[in-house]
Amino acid sequence: MPQNSLRWRIWTGDNQYLFFEDDGISNSGQNQNYSLREIRVYTQENQIVVDIVPRVGDWIPPEREVIVEVVGIGEQRFTDDGGAYIFRF
């Protein structure tokens, strides 16, 4: 079920995450009716970088706030419109 806000808990290190969503009701994910976000995490110049790739798929979740929390470091927020984002911690 779509959420009005999300919290992504991310750990330091070189990591890659995939965040998949669909309407939660139908089998529409089989027809590209889903949303997929790739989240890349790496260290650059003594900073933790969280690189969020633009959303792919045909399903568009409702606009909502996303909290990006790097565990033990801090958090930043954005309103998810499906675009690319880069955060530095």
N, C-alpha and C. Protein backbone atom coordinates (compact mmCIF):
# COMPACT_ATOMS: atom_id res chain seq x y z
N MET A 1 0.84 -1.17 0.00
CA MET A 1 0.00 0.00 0.00
C MET A 1 0.89 1.25 0.00
N PRO A 2 0.61 2.23 -0.82
CA PRO A 2 1.43 3.45 -0.85
C PRO A 2 1.46 4.14 0.50
N GLN A 3 2.60 4.71 0.82
CA GLN A 3 2.79 5.40 2.09
C GLN A 3 2.94 6.90 1.84
N ASN A 4 2.52 7.72 2.82
CA ASN A 4 2.66 9.17 2.72
C ASN A 4 4.07 9.63 3.04
N SER A 5 4.83 8.81 3.75
CA SER A 5 6.23 9.11 4.02
C SER A 5 6.99 7.80 4.16
N LEU A 6 8.29 7.87 3.89
CA LEU A 6 9.15 6.70 3.97
C LEU A 6 10.42 7.07 4.70
N ARG A 7 11.02 6.09 5.36
CA ARG A 7 12.35 6.25 5.95
C ARG A 7 13.21 5.13 5.40
N TRP A 8 14.28 5.54 4.69
CA TRP A 8 15.25 4.56 4.19
C TRP A 8 16.43 4.57 5.13
N ARG A 9 16.68 3.45 5.83
CA ARG A 9 17.84 3.30 6.72
C ARG A 9 18.96 2.69 5.89
N ILE A 10 20.05 3.42 5.79
CA ILE A 10 21.16 3.04 4.93
C ILE A 10 22.42 2.91 5.77
N TRP A 11 23.19 1.87 5.51
CA TRP A 11 24.44 1.65 6.23
C TRP A 11 25.62 2.12 5.38
N THR A 12 26.69 2.54 6.06
CA THR A 12 27.88 3.02 5.38
C THR A 12 28.59 1.86 4.68
N GLY A 13 29.50 2.21 3.79
CA GLY A 13 30.21 1.22 2.99
C GLY A 13 29.75 1.29 1.56
N ASP A 14 30.38 0.55 0.71
CA ASP A 14 29.97 0.51 -0.69
C ASP A 14 28.80 -0.46 -0.82
N ASN A 15 27.61 0.10 -1.03
CA ASN A 15 26.39 -0.71 -1.07
C ASN A 15 25.51 -0.27 -2.21
N GLN A 16 24.60 -1.16 -2.58
CA GLN A 16 23.58 -0.84 -3.58
C GLN A 16 22.28 -1.45 -3.09
N TYR A 17 21.22 -0.66 -3.15
CA TYR A 17 19.90 -1.10 -2.72
C TYR A 17 18.93 -0.91 -3.88
N LEU A 18 17.89 -1.75 -3.93
CA LEU A 18 16.80 -1.58 -4.88
C LEU A 18 15.51 -1.45 -4.08
N PHE A 19 14.73 -0.43 -4.39
CA PHE A 19 13.46 -0.19 -3.71
C PHE A 19 12.35 -0.38 -4.74
N PHE A 20 11.55 -1.44 -4.57
CA PHE A 20 10.49 -1.82 -5.50
C PHE A 20 9.14 -1.53 -4.87
N GLU A 21 8.23 -0.96 -5.67
CA GLU A 21 6.85 -0.73 -5.22
C GLU A 21 5.90 -1.03 -6.37
N ASP A 22 4.69 -1.41 -6.00
CA ASP A 22 3.57 -1.46 -6.94
C ASP A 22 2.31 -1.13 -6.16
N ASP A 23 1.15 -1.31 -6.77
CA ASP A 23 -0.09 -0.91 -6.08
C ASP A 23 -0.44 -1.82 -4.92
N GLY A 24 0.22 -2.97 -4.80
CA GLY A 24 -0.02 -3.86 -3.66
C GLY A 24 -1.29 -4.66 -3.76
N ILE A 25 -2.01 -4.53 -4.87
CA ILE A 25 -3.30 -5.21 -4.99
C ILE A 25 -3.31 -6.17 -6.18
N SER A 26 -2.96 -5.67 -7.34
CA SER A 26 -3.06 -6.45 -8.57
C SER A 26 -1.73 -7.12 -8.90
N ASN A 27 -1.73 -7.87 -9.97
CA ASN A 27 -0.51 -8.46 -10.51
C ASN A 27 0.10 -7.55 -11.57
N SER A 28 -0.15 -6.27 -11.45
CA SER A 28 0.26 -5.31 -12.47
C SER A 28 1.77 -5.19 -12.59
N GLY A 29 2.53 -5.62 -11.60
CA GLY A 29 3.98 -5.57 -11.68
C GLY A 29 4.53 -6.36 -12.84
N GLN A 30 3.75 -7.30 -13.33
CA GLN A 30 4.20 -8.11 -14.46
C GLN A 30 4.17 -7.32 -15.76
N ASN A 31 3.48 -6.17 -15.78
CA ASN A 31 3.33 -5.37 -17.00
C ASN A 31 4.02 -4.03 -16.89
N GLN A 32 5.14 -3.96 -16.23
CA GLN A 32 5.88 -2.70 -16.03
C GLN A 32 5.13 -1.71 -15.15
N ASN A 33 4.03 -2.10 -14.53
CA ASN A 33 3.28 -1.20 -13.68
C ASN A 33 3.81 -1.28 -12.25
N TYR A 34 5.04 -0.84 -12.11
CA TYR A 34 5.73 -0.83 -10.83
C TYR A 34 6.64 0.39 -10.81
N SER A 35 7.24 0.61 -9.66
CA SER A 35 8.22 1.68 -9.47
C SER A 35 9.47 1.05 -8.88
N LEU A 36 10.63 1.38 -9.45
CA LEU A 36 11.89 0.82 -8.97
C LEU A 36 12.91 1.95 -8.84
N ARG A 37 13.54 2.04 -7.66
CA ARG A 37 14.59 3.03 -7.42
C ARG A 37 15.86 2.30 -7.03
N GLU A 38 16.97 2.69 -7.63
CA GLU A 38 18.28 2.18 -7.25
C GLU A 38 18.93 3.22 -6.36
N ILE A 39 19.50 2.76 -5.25
CA ILE A 39 20.18 3.63 -4.29
C ILE A 39 21.61 3.13 -4.16
N ARG A 40 22.56 3.99 -4.50
CA ARG A 40 23.98 3.62 -4.42
C ARG A 40 24.63 4.39 -3.28
N VAL A 41 25.46 3.70 -2.52
CA VAL A 41 26.14 4.32 -1.37
C VAL A 41 27.64 4.07 -1.52
N TYR A 42 28.42 5.14 -1.36
CA TYR A 42 29.88 5.01 -1.46
C TYR A 42 30.53 6.16 -0.71
N THR A 43 31.82 6.03 -0.49
CA THR A 43 32.59 7.08 0.19
C THR A 43 33.40 7.83 -0.85
N GLN A 44 33.36 9.18 -0.74
CA GLN A 44 34.11 10.04 -1.65
C GLN A 44 34.62 11.24 -0.87
N GLU A 45 35.92 11.43 -0.86
CA GLU A 45 36.54 12.56 -0.16
C GLU A 45 36.06 12.67 1.29
N ASN A 46 36.13 11.55 2.00
CA ASN A 46 35.75 11.46 3.42
C ASN A 46 34.28 11.76 3.70
N GLN A 47 33.44 11.65 2.70
CA GLN A 47 32.00 11.82 2.88
C GLN A 47 31.28 10.56 2.42
N ILE A 48 30.16 10.26 3.07
CA ILE A 48 29.29 9.19 2.62
C ILE A 48 28.36 9.81 1.58
N VAL A 49 28.32 9.23 0.39
CA VAL A 49 27.46 9.72 -0.68
C VAL A 49 26.33 8.73 -0.88
N VAL A 50 25.10 9.26 -0.92
CA VAL A 50 23.92 8.46 -1.23
C VAL A 50 23.38 8.99 -2.55
N ASP A 51 23.48 8.17 -3.58
CA ASP A 51 23.10 8.54 -4.94
C ASP A 51 21.81 7.79 -5.29
N ILE A 52 20.73 8.53 -5.46
CA ILE A 52 19.43 7.92 -5.75
C ILE A 52 19.14 8.13 -7.24
N VAL A 53 19.04 7.03 -7.96
CA VAL A 53 18.86 7.03 -9.41
C VAL A 53 17.39 7.33 -9.72
N PRO A 54 17.10 7.98 -10.86
CA PRO A 54 15.70 8.25 -11.20
C PRO A 54 14.84 6.98 -11.23
N ARG A 55 13.61 7.15 -10.85
CA ARG A 55 12.64 6.04 -10.80
C ARG A 55 12.40 5.49 -12.21
N VAL A 56 12.27 4.17 -12.30
CA VAL A 56 11.86 3.51 -13.54
C VAL A 56 10.59 2.73 -13.28
N GLY A 57 9.87 2.42 -14.35
CA GLY A 57 8.59 1.72 -14.24
C GLY A 57 7.45 2.68 -14.48
N ASP A 58 6.28 2.13 -14.75
CA ASP A 58 5.12 2.94 -15.10
C ASP A 58 4.26 3.36 -13.91
N TRP A 59 4.40 2.68 -12.78
CA TRP A 59 3.57 3.03 -11.62
C TRP A 59 4.17 4.24 -10.91
N ILE A 60 3.34 5.23 -10.64
CA ILE A 60 3.81 6.45 -9.98
C ILE A 60 3.20 6.50 -8.58
N PRO A 61 4.04 6.37 -7.56
CA PRO A 61 3.54 6.46 -6.18
C PRO A 61 3.11 7.89 -5.87
N PRO A 62 2.32 8.08 -4.83
CA PRO A 62 1.93 9.44 -4.47
C PRO A 62 3.14 10.24 -4.01
N GLU A 63 3.06 11.55 -4.19
CA GLU A 63 4.13 12.42 -3.70
C GLU A 63 4.22 12.27 -2.18
N ARG A 64 5.44 12.16 -1.69
CA ARG A 64 5.64 11.96 -0.25
C ARG A 64 7.04 12.37 0.15
N GLU A 65 7.21 12.53 1.43
CA GLU A 65 8.53 12.84 1.97
C GLU A 65 9.29 11.54 2.19
N VAL A 66 10.57 11.56 1.82
CA VAL A 66 11.45 10.43 2.06
C VAL A 66 12.58 10.90 2.97
N ILE A 67 12.79 10.18 4.05
CA ILE A 67 13.88 10.47 4.97
C ILE A 67 14.99 9.48 4.67
N VAL A 68 16.16 10.00 4.31
CA VAL A 68 17.33 9.18 4.04
C VAL A 68 18.19 9.22 5.29
N GLU A 69 18.25 8.11 6.00
CA GLU A 69 19.01 8.03 7.24
C GLU A 69 20.24 7.15 7.03
N VAL A 70 21.42 7.74 7.18
CA VAL A 70 22.64 6.95 7.19
C VAL A 70 22.88 6.61 8.66
N VAL A 71 22.76 5.34 8.99
CA VAL A 71 22.79 4.88 10.38
C VAL A 71 24.08 5.33 11.07
N GLY A 72 23.88 6.01 12.19
CA GLY A 72 24.99 6.47 13.00
C GLY A 72 25.61 7.78 12.52
N ILE A 73 25.12 8.35 11.39
CA ILE A 73 25.69 9.56 10.81
C ILE A 73 24.70 10.72 10.84
N GLY A 74 23.51 10.52 10.31
CA GLY A 74 22.52 11.59 10.25
C GLY A 74 21.45 11.29 9.21
N GLU A 75 20.60 12.29 8.95
CA GLU A 75 19.53 12.11 7.98
C GLU A 75 19.28 13.38 7.20
N GLN A 76 18.74 13.21 6.00
CA GLN A 76 18.31 14.30 5.15
C GLN A 76 16.98 13.89 4.54
N ARG A 77 16.20 14.88 4.08
CA ARG A 77 14.86 14.61 3.57
C ARG A 77 14.68 15.20 2.19
N PHE A 78 13.77 14.60 1.44
CA PHE A 78 13.38 15.17 0.15
C PHE A 78 11.95 14.76 -0.17
N THR A 79 11.31 15.52 -1.05
CA THR A 79 10.00 15.17 -1.55
C THR A 79 10.21 14.40 -2.84
N ASP A 80 9.76 13.17 -2.87
CA ASP A 80 10.03 12.26 -3.98
C ASP A 80 9.16 12.57 -5.18
N ASP A 81 9.80 13.05 -6.24
CA ASP A 81 9.10 13.29 -7.51
C ASP A 81 9.59 12.35 -8.59
N GLY A 82 10.40 11.36 -8.21
CA GLY A 82 10.90 10.39 -9.17
C GLY A 82 12.24 10.73 -9.78
N GLY A 83 12.77 11.92 -9.48
CA GLY A 83 14.03 12.34 -10.06
C GLY A 83 15.24 11.78 -9.35
N ALA A 84 16.41 12.21 -9.81
CA ALA A 84 17.68 11.79 -9.21
C ALA A 84 18.02 12.72 -8.05
N TYR A 85 18.67 12.17 -7.04
CA TYR A 85 19.10 12.95 -5.87
C TYR A 85 20.46 12.45 -5.44
N ILE A 86 21.29 13.37 -4.95
CA ILE A 86 22.57 13.00 -4.35
C ILE A 86 22.67 13.70 -3.01
N PHE A 87 22.95 12.92 -1.96
CA PHE A 87 23.11 13.46 -0.61
C PHE A 87 24.51 13.13 -0.13
N ARG A 88 25.09 14.08 0.60
CA ARG A 88 26.43 13.89 1.17
C ARG A 88 26.33 14.04 2.69
N PHE A 89 26.94 13.10 3.38
CA PHE A 89 26.92 13.09 4.85
C PHE A 89 28.34 13.17 5.37
